[in-house]
Amino acid sequence: MNDTPGWASPGSAHSDGRNADVPRPAEPSDGTGTASKWSSNQPPPSQWSAPSGPGQYGPPQPPPPPHGWGGGPPQGNWGQPPAARPGVIPLRPLGVGEILDGAVSTLRAHWRTVLGITVTVSVIAQIASVLAERHLLPDPVAVDADPGSAEYMRQTVDATQAGLVELIPTMLITLIATLFITALLTVVVSRSVLGQPVTLAGAWREARPRLLQLFGLTLLLPLMVVAIGGAAMLPGLVLGGTAGETLLALGTLAAIPLVLWLMIRFSLASPALMLERQGIIASLRRSAKLVQGTWWRVFGIFLLTLVITLLVSMIIAVPFTVIGFIVDGSGFGDLLSGRTPDFGWPFLITTSIGSVIAASLTYPVSAGVSVLLYIDQRIRREALDLELARAAGIPGYTGDPGSGPGN
């Protein structure tokens, strides 16, 4: 029923004996004031024409073709069926908001599996980090604050070396934790795209054969960064002096954009390795091919995701850090006095709880964005949406005889 002015609903014409009080159109008069019958000499219907404007008449116009059936392209979304959506994303090229929403929707749809993965791995990683910090790492090196002392430079170098040594256990623990979380969440996100259920045991069973190669890929990328940075800074370190410092600064400035370019270029290698079951080098090449021509878009999406996850982590971590300072008065006193704070177990346990909560919420978003961006790039370049629709069992894409998107 269409109530738009100028349209009449079907079946609304007057019928004998019904709606007698509805006024009828005026009938022609014979001049005596009484209505007369219509003349039988009416022009044939073909001579009548619809008005082409107010008070104007023109030649008969054919009715407009239905939307999507010739007569020019359809306007808007008329004639275009909506994209299939068996899971958390529609199977078509995605926008930035849809990628982020798909990552969050995966966390909501499979929260038991996702949180089971992230909480378990994060708790183990935090326990390992705390134990390493308390029992394996050396005590902080004290630095003389007198800038005129010759001992100051030596102590500064010793403190820098000690800081780098302290980072090694933390980096290894983070690397291993990231490895397991990436492998398992890649499987979870890929199943959520198809709308299929997934369990922690099922994700582990599917990801386990790829862990060794994923470990090699995860280890190769940081080593690549270290090698590029070392090569850029080596001439300045060898030369020494003022010229060496200048060369060191220039080499560092030149290495930063190169490292960033390579990291974005190879950012889709992990999903390619897990979902296409390729080797390490083949996955790197696959990522470079998918990112080619869209480097800035991929960079922008990852940068936005990084900013969002950092903000969420800070919002969660700051209150736990404040609580840790309150419950551990000795470390807070050392910090106020200018000494290197020696935090006790209360501070470490409290801040670790905050870190576990933050990681449990941010890791799924980061991993989800990476996998969905990989799927989006393949949809744009390789029409992966058709293959995903067939894998999801959507009618019209199953490959049965006589089936098709329009049937």
Protein backbone atom coordinates (compact mmCIF):
# COMPACT_ATOMS: atom_id res chain seq x y z
CA MET A 1 0.00 0.00 0.00
CA ASN A 2 1.48 3.29 -1.06
CA ASP A 3 0.20 6.48 0.55
CA THR A 4 2.36 8.75 -1.55
CA PRO A 5 0.31 11.59 -3.15
CA GLY A 6 -0.59 10.75 -6.72
CA TRP A 7 -0.79 6.99 -6.07
CA ALA A 8 -3.89 4.89 -5.44
CA SER A 9 -3.89 1.67 -3.54
CA PRO A 10 -5.20 -1.39 -5.40
CA GLY A 11 -8.89 -2.10 -4.70
CA SER A 12 -9.69 1.45 -3.51
CA ALA A 13 -12.09 2.26 -6.40
CA HIS A 14 -15.73 2.91 -5.61
CA SER A 15 -18.11 -0.04 -5.90
CA ASP A 16 -21.93 -0.06 -6.04
CA GLY A 17 -23.56 -0.22 -2.68
CA ARG A 18 -20.29 0.52 -0.80
CA ASN A 19 -18.96 3.78 0.50
CA ALA A 20 -21.95 5.66 -0.85
CA ASP A 21 -21.01 8.69 1.18
CA VAL A 22 -17.69 9.09 -0.60
CA PRO A 23 -17.99 11.99 -3.08
CA ARG A 24 -17.74 11.04 -6.75
CA PRO A 25 -16.13 13.07 -9.55
CA ALA A 26 -18.45 15.61 -11.17
CA GLU A 27 -20.32 14.21 -14.20
CA PRO A 28 -20.94 16.17 -17.41
CA SER A 29 -24.14 18.17 -17.56
CA ASP A 30 -26.56 18.47 -20.53
CA GLY A 31 -27.03 22.19 -19.89
CA THR A 32 -30.32 21.89 -17.90
CA GLY A 33 -28.53 21.39 -14.65
CA THR A 34 -29.15 17.69 -14.59
CA ALA A 35 -26.43 15.22 -15.01
CA SER A 36 -26.41 13.31 -18.22
CA LYS A 37 -24.71 10.14 -19.31
CA TRP A 38 -21.28 10.21 -20.83
CA SER A 39 -21.20 10.45 -24.59
CA SER A 40 -20.54 7.21 -26.40
CA ASN A 41 -18.24 9.02 -28.84
CA GLN A 42 -15.09 9.07 -26.79
CA PRO A 43 -11.68 9.24 -28.38
CA PRO A 44 -9.82 5.96 -28.45
CA PRO A 45 -7.56 5.37 -25.50
CA SER A 46 -4.48 5.54 -27.65
CA GLN A 47 -5.05 9.24 -28.29
CA TRP A 48 -4.86 10.14 -24.63
CA SER A 49 -1.50 11.07 -23.17
CA ALA A 50 -0.29 11.52 -19.65
CA PRO A 51 0.64 15.05 -18.64
CA SER A 52 4.34 15.73 -18.78
CA GLY A 53 4.10 18.62 -16.36
CA PRO A 54 1.58 20.87 -14.64
CA GLY A 55 -1.01 21.77 -17.25
CA GLN A 56 1.06 20.24 -20.08
CA TYR A 57 0.54 17.22 -22.24
CA GLY A 58 2.98 15.41 -24.42
CA PRO A 59 3.44 12.18 -26.31
CA PRO A 60 2.89 8.92 -24.49
CA GLN A 61 5.85 7.89 -22.36
CA PRO A 62 6.78 4.26 -21.76
CA PRO A 63 6.77 3.15 -18.14
CA PRO A 64 10.18 3.28 -16.44
CA PRO A 65 12.02 -0.02 -16.37
CA PRO A 66 12.28 -1.81 -13.03
CA HIS A 67 15.40 -1.00 -11.06
CA GLY A 68 18.25 -3.27 -11.99
CA TRP A 69 16.69 -4.36 -15.31
CA GLY A 70 18.25 -2.25 -18.04
CA GLY A 71 17.49 1.38 -18.64
CA GLY A 72 20.78 2.50 -17.11
CA PRO A 73 22.49 1.58 -13.85
CA PRO A 74 20.35 1.32 -10.73
CA GLN A 75 20.50 4.21 -8.33
CA GLY A 76 21.88 3.62 -4.82
CA ASN A 77 21.58 0.01 -3.70
CA TRP A 78 18.49 -0.79 -5.79
CA GLY A 79 18.82 -4.08 -7.61
CA GLN A 80 21.92 -5.07 -5.63
CA PRO A 81 21.39 -7.87 -3.11
CA PRO A 82 23.11 -7.36 0.24
CA ALA A 83 26.43 -9.09 0.76
CA ALA A 84 26.31 -12.46 2.47
CA ARG A 85 27.20 -12.31 6.16
CA PRO A 86 27.57 -15.74 7.68
CA GLY A 87 29.73 -14.45 10.54
CA VAL A 88 31.17 -11.27 12.02
CA ILE A 89 31.78 -9.43 8.72
CA PRO A 90 29.94 -9.08 5.41
CA LEU A 91 31.68 -10.92 2.59
CA ARG A 92 32.71 -7.89 0.55
CA PRO A 93 35.48 -5.27 0.71
CA LEU A 94 35.52 -3.86 4.23
CA GLY A 95 35.85 -0.37 5.62
CA VAL A 96 38.04 0.55 8.57
CA GLY A 97 35.09 0.60 10.96
CA GLU A 98 33.91 -2.82 9.78
CA ILE A 99 37.37 -4.30 10.39
CA LEU A 100 37.48 -2.94 13.94
CA ASP A 101 33.88 -3.96 14.56
CA GLY A 102 34.61 -7.47 13.27
CA ALA A 103 37.52 -7.83 15.69
CA VAL A 104 35.37 -6.72 18.64
CA SER A 105 32.45 -8.88 17.46
CA THR A 106 34.74 -11.91 17.45
CA LEU A 107 35.60 -11.22 21.08
CA ARG A 108 31.91 -10.96 21.95
CA ALA A 109 30.79 -13.99 19.93
CA HIS A 110 33.52 -16.35 21.18
CA TRP A 111 34.39 -14.71 24.47
CA ARG A 112 34.87 -18.00 26.32
CA THR A 113 37.42 -19.27 23.81
CA VAL A 114 39.11 -15.90 23.27
CA LEU A 115 39.44 -15.03 26.95
CA GLY A 116 40.47 -18.59 27.71
CA ILE A 117 43.40 -18.16 25.33
CA THR A 118 44.45 -14.63 26.25
CA VAL A 119 43.99 -14.92 30.01
CA THR A 120 45.87 -18.23 30.21
CA VAL A 121 48.80 -17.07 28.10
CA SER A 122 48.94 -13.63 29.75
CA VAL A 123 48.94 -15.07 33.27
CA ILE A 124 51.78 -17.47 32.43
CA ALA A 125 53.74 -14.68 30.73
CA GLN A 126 53.29 -12.31 33.67
CA ILE A 127 54.34 -14.93 36.21
CA ALA A 128 57.45 -15.68 34.15
CA SER A 129 58.25 -11.96 33.83
CA VAL A 130 57.88 -11.33 37.57
CA LEU A 131 60.03 -14.32 38.50
CA ALA A 132 62.69 -13.30 35.99
CA GLU A 133 62.71 -9.75 37.31
CA ARG A 134 62.98 -10.80 40.95
CA HIS A 135 65.44 -13.71 40.70
CA LEU A 136 67.31 -13.69 37.38
CA LEU A 137 68.08 -10.07 36.64
CA PRO A 138 70.97 -8.23 38.34
CA ASP A 139 70.41 -5.33 40.69
CA PRO A 140 70.11 -1.89 39.06
CA VAL A 141 73.42 -0.11 38.50
CA ALA A 142 73.82 3.08 40.52
CA VAL A 143 74.93 6.12 38.55
CA ASP A 144 76.88 9.01 40.06
CA ALA A 145 74.95 12.22 39.45
CA ASP A 146 78.13 14.34 39.29
CA PRO A 147 78.53 15.23 35.58
CA GLY A 148 82.17 16.17 36.08
CA SER A 149 83.19 12.77 37.30
CA ALA A 150 85.02 10.50 34.86
CA GLU A 151 83.25 7.62 36.47
CA TYR A 152 79.93 9.03 35.28
CA MET A 153 80.38 7.94 31.66
CA ARG A 154 81.45 4.45 32.62
CA GLN A 155 78.49 4.06 34.96
CA THR A 156 76.14 5.32 32.28
CA VAL A 157 77.43 2.71 29.83
CA ASP A 158 77.12 0.00 32.48
CA ALA A 159 73.54 1.07 33.26
CA THR A 160 72.63 1.01 29.56
CA GLN A 161 74.07 -2.47 29.14
CA ALA A 162 72.24 -3.67 32.24
CA GLY A 163 68.99 -2.23 30.88
CA LEU A 164 69.46 -4.10 27.61
CA VAL A 165 70.18 -7.31 29.49
CA GLU A 166 66.99 -6.84 31.50
CA LEU A 167 65.01 -6.50 28.28
CA ILE A 168 66.12 -9.86 26.89
CA PRO A 169 64.02 -12.11 29.19
CA THR A 170 61.01 -9.81 28.84
CA MET A 171 61.31 -9.78 25.04
CA LEU A 172 61.61 -13.56 24.86
CA ILE A 173 58.58 -14.07 27.12
CA THR A 174 56.56 -11.55 25.12
CA LEU A 175 57.66 -13.20 21.87
CA ILE A 176 56.51 -16.64 23.00
CA ALA A 177 53.23 -15.30 24.39
CA THR A 178 52.54 -13.42 21.17
CA LEU A 179 53.31 -16.59 19.21
CA PHE A 180 50.66 -18.68 20.96
CA ILE A 181 48.05 -15.93 21.04
CA THR A 182 48.53 -15.11 17.34
CA ALA A 183 48.29 -18.75 16.29
CA LEU A 184 45.17 -19.55 18.29
CA LEU A 185 43.32 -16.28 17.64
CA THR A 186 43.98 -16.52 13.91
CA VAL A 187 42.04 -19.78 13.89
CA VAL A 188 39.25 -18.28 16.02
CA VAL A 189 38.84 -15.21 13.81
CA SER A 190 38.88 -17.26 10.61
CA ARG A 191 36.10 -19.47 11.98
CA SER A 192 34.08 -16.49 13.18
CA VAL A 193 34.14 -15.05 9.64
CA LEU A 194 32.41 -18.22 8.44
CA GLY A 195 30.00 -18.24 11.37
CA GLN A 196 31.33 -21.57 12.60
CA PRO A 197 31.72 -22.50 16.27
CA VAL A 198 35.22 -22.95 17.64
CA THR A 199 36.55 -24.26 20.92
CA LEU A 200 39.88 -23.84 22.62
CA ALA A 201 40.75 -27.49 21.99
CA GLY A 202 39.78 -27.19 18.32
CA ALA A 203 41.81 -24.02 17.85
CA TRP A 204 44.84 -25.64 19.47
CA ARG A 205 44.48 -28.78 17.34
CA GLU A 206 44.42 -26.74 14.15
CA ALA A 207 47.16 -24.27 15.10
CA ARG A 208 49.66 -26.71 16.61
CA PRO A 209 51.18 -27.99 13.31
CA ARG A 210 52.03 -24.39 12.31
CA LEU A 211 53.63 -23.26 15.57
CA LEU A 212 57.23 -24.05 14.62
CA GLN A 213 57.07 -22.12 11.36
CA LEU A 214 55.20 -19.28 13.05
CA PHE A 215 57.94 -19.14 15.69
CA GLY A 216 60.55 -18.84 12.95
CA LEU A 217 58.59 -16.02 11.31
CA THR A 218 58.02 -14.24 14.64
CA LEU A 219 61.72 -14.47 15.44
CA LEU A 220 62.86 -13.46 11.94
CA LEU A 221 61.10 -10.10 11.89
CA PRO A 222 62.79 -8.69 15.06
CA LEU A 223 66.14 -10.03 13.88
CA MET A 224 65.60 -8.23 10.60
CA VAL A 225 64.97 -4.99 12.48
CA VAL A 226 68.08 -5.48 14.64
CA ALA A 227 70.20 -6.22 11.58
CA ILE A 228 69.03 -3.11 9.74
CA GLY A 229 69.52 -0.92 12.82
CA GLY A 230 72.97 -2.36 13.49
CA ALA A 231 74.07 -1.85 9.89
CA ALA A 232 72.86 1.75 9.97
CA MET A 233 74.63 2.59 13.26
CA LEU A 234 77.84 0.61 12.72
CA PRO A 235 79.75 3.23 10.67
CA GLY A 236 79.14 5.91 13.32
CA LEU A 237 80.19 3.59 16.13
CA VAL A 238 83.39 2.63 14.32
CA LEU A 239 84.33 6.18 13.34
CA GLY A 240 83.78 7.72 16.78
CA GLY A 241 84.21 11.34 17.72
CA THR A 242 82.00 14.18 16.56
CA ALA A 243 81.87 12.87 13.00
CA GLY A 244 80.90 9.45 14.28
CA GLU A 245 78.10 10.89 16.40
CA THR A 246 76.76 12.77 13.38
CA LEU A 247 76.97 9.67 11.21
CA LEU A 248 75.29 7.63 13.96
CA ALA A 249 72.37 10.06 14.12
CA LEU A 250 71.98 10.09 10.33
CA GLY A 251 72.11 6.31 10.16
CA THR A 252 69.44 6.00 12.85
CA LEU A 253 67.17 8.49 11.08
CA ALA A 254 67.61 6.58 7.81
CA ALA A 255 66.92 3.19 9.45
CA ILE A 256 63.62 4.17 11.10
CA PRO A 257 61.54 4.70 7.90
CA LEU A 258 63.11 1.62 6.29
CA VAL A 259 62.21 -0.57 9.27
CA LEU A 260 58.68 0.85 9.36
CA TRP A 261 58.22 0.21 5.64
CA LEU A 262 59.38 -3.40 5.97
CA MET A 263 57.24 -4.11 9.04
CA ILE A 264 54.08 -2.92 7.28
CA ARG A 265 55.05 -4.74 4.09
CA PHE A 266 55.36 -8.02 6.02
CA SER A 267 52.52 -7.36 8.50
CA LEU A 268 50.18 -9.90 6.86
CA ALA A 269 52.72 -12.72 6.81
CA SER A 270 51.42 -14.40 10.00
CA PRO A 271 47.81 -14.79 8.76
CA ALA A 272 49.13 -15.98 5.39
CA LEU A 273 51.31 -18.59 7.09
CA MET A 274 48.50 -19.86 9.30
CA LEU A 275 45.58 -19.80 6.85
CA GLU A 276 47.36 -20.65 3.59
CA ARG A 277 49.77 -23.11 5.21
CA GLN A 278 52.80 -21.69 3.45
CA GLY A 279 56.44 -21.53 4.49
CA ILE A 280 58.18 -18.57 6.09
CA ILE A 281 59.65 -17.03 2.94
CA ALA A 282 56.50 -17.74 0.92
CA SER A 283 54.43 -16.02 3.61
CA LEU A 284 56.66 -12.94 3.50
CA ARG A 285 56.27 -12.78 -0.26
CA ARG A 286 52.52 -13.28 0.06
CA SER A 287 52.25 -10.39 2.51
CA ALA A 288 54.32 -8.13 0.27
CA LYS A 289 52.04 -8.93 -2.66
CA LEU A 290 48.86 -8.22 -0.70
CA VAL A 291 50.17 -4.95 0.74
CA GLN A 292 51.56 -3.71 -2.58
CA GLY A 293 49.75 -0.58 -3.70
CA THR A 294 47.88 -0.17 -0.39
CA TRP A 295 50.79 0.45 2.00
CA TRP A 296 49.38 3.68 3.39
CA ARG A 297 45.94 2.17 4.00
CA VAL A 298 47.41 -0.82 5.83
CA PHE A 299 49.70 1.49 7.80
CA GLY A 300 46.80 3.74 8.78
CA ILE A 301 44.66 0.83 9.99
CA PHE A 302 47.48 -0.65 12.07
CA LEU A 303 48.35 2.78 13.48
CA LEU A 304 44.73 3.39 14.47
CA THR A 305 44.57 -0.05 16.09
CA LEU A 306 47.81 0.65 17.98
CA VAL A 307 46.49 3.96 19.31
CA ILE A 308 43.20 2.36 20.43
CA THR A 309 44.90 -0.58 22.18
CA LEU A 310 47.42 1.73 23.89
CA LEU A 311 44.63 3.94 25.19
CA VAL A 312 42.71 0.93 26.50
CA SER A 313 45.88 -0.45 28.12
CA MET A 314 46.61 2.88 29.81
CA ILE A 315 43.05 3.24 31.07
CA ILE A 316 43.29 -0.20 32.66
CA ALA A 317 46.93 -0.09 33.81
CA VAL A 318 47.01 3.37 35.44
CA PRO A 319 44.56 2.55 38.28
CA PHE A 320 46.39 -0.69 39.07
CA THR A 321 49.73 1.16 39.06
CA VAL A 322 48.38 3.74 41.50
CA ILE A 323 47.07 0.96 43.74
CA GLY A 324 50.46 -0.74 43.50
CA PHE A 325 52.21 2.43 44.70
CA ILE A 326 49.77 2.68 47.59
CA VAL A 327 50.22 -0.91 48.79
CA ASP A 328 54.01 -0.78 48.29
CA GLY A 329 55.15 2.25 50.24
CA SER A 330 58.88 1.51 50.00
CA GLY A 331 59.04 1.72 46.22
CA PHE A 332 57.05 4.93 46.20
CA GLY A 333 59.38 6.43 48.80
CA ASP A 334 62.45 5.53 46.72
CA LEU A 335 60.85 7.18 43.70
CA LEU A 336 60.18 10.43 45.60
CA SER A 337 63.72 10.53 46.99
CA GLY A 338 65.26 10.19 43.54
CA ARG A 339 66.66 6.72 44.11
CA THR A 340 66.04 3.76 41.83
CA PRO A 341 62.81 2.24 43.18
CA ASP A 342 63.00 -1.32 44.49
CA PHE A 343 59.42 -2.51 44.15
CA GLY A 344 58.27 -5.40 46.27
CA TRP A 345 55.85 -8.22 45.65
CA PRO A 346 52.67 -6.20 46.34
CA PHE A 347 53.49 -3.74 43.58
CA LEU A 348 54.49 -6.45 41.11
CA ILE A 349 51.40 -8.55 41.76
CA THR A 350 49.02 -5.60 41.52
CA THR A 351 50.47 -4.25 38.29
CA SER A 352 50.60 -7.76 36.84
CA ILE A 353 46.85 -8.14 37.38
CA GLY A 354 46.29 -4.93 35.45
CA SER A 355 48.59 -6.12 32.67
CA VAL A 356 46.71 -9.42 32.37
CA ILE A 357 43.35 -7.64 32.10
CA ALA A 358 44.68 -5.17 29.53
CA ALA A 359 46.31 -7.91 27.43
CA SER A 360 43.17 -10.04 27.55
CA LEU A 361 41.20 -7.22 25.92
CA THR A 362 43.75 -5.75 23.53
CA TYR A 363 45.38 -8.89 22.13
CA PRO A 364 42.12 -10.15 20.53
CA VAL A 365 41.52 -6.76 18.89
CA SER A 366 45.05 -6.56 17.46
CA ALA A 367 45.00 -10.14 16.21
CA GLY A 368 41.48 -9.73 14.83
CA VAL A 369 42.41 -6.60 12.88
CA SER A 370 45.45 -8.35 11.39
CA VAL A 371 43.45 -11.39 10.22
CA LEU A 372 40.47 -9.36 8.96
CA LEU A 373 42.77 -6.98 7.09
CA TYR A 374 44.38 -9.99 5.42
CA ILE A 375 40.94 -11.32 4.44
CA ASP A 376 39.90 -7.87 3.20
CA GLN A 377 42.97 -7.58 0.99
CA ARG A 378 42.30 -11.00 -0.52
CA ILE A 379 38.64 -10.12 -1.13
CA ARG A 380 39.71 -6.96 -2.95
CA ARG A 381 42.39 -8.66 -5.04
CA GLU A 382 41.30 -12.28 -5.42
CA ALA A 383 37.51 -12.38 -4.85
CA LEU A 384 37.99 -14.45 -1.70
CA ASP A 385 34.42 -13.61 -0.70
CA LEU A 386 33.09 -16.20 -3.16
CA GLU A 387 35.29 -18.92 -1.72
CA LEU A 388 34.33 -17.94 1.83
CA ALA A 389 30.64 -18.01 0.91
CA ARG A 390 31.05 -21.53 -0.47
CA ALA A 391 32.96 -22.60 2.63
CA ALA A 392 30.16 -21.19 4.82
CA GLY A 393 27.56 -23.19 2.84
CA ILE A 394 25.55 -20.16 1.75
CA PRO A 395 22.85 -21.15 -0.79
CA GLY A 396 23.76 -20.06 -4.29
CA TYR A 397 27.52 -20.44 -3.73
CA THR A 398 27.78 -24.15 -3.03
CA GLY A 399 28.57 -25.14 -6.60
CA ASP A 400 25.46 -27.30 -6.99
CA PRO A 401 24.04 -27.64 -10.54
CA GLY A 402 21.80 -24.72 -11.35
CA SER A 403 22.88 -22.77 -8.31
CA GLY A 404 24.34 -19.31 -8.40
CA PRO A 405 24.16 -16.00 -6.61
CA GLY A 406 21.04 -15.07 -8.54
CA ASN A 407 19.19 -18.40 -8.18
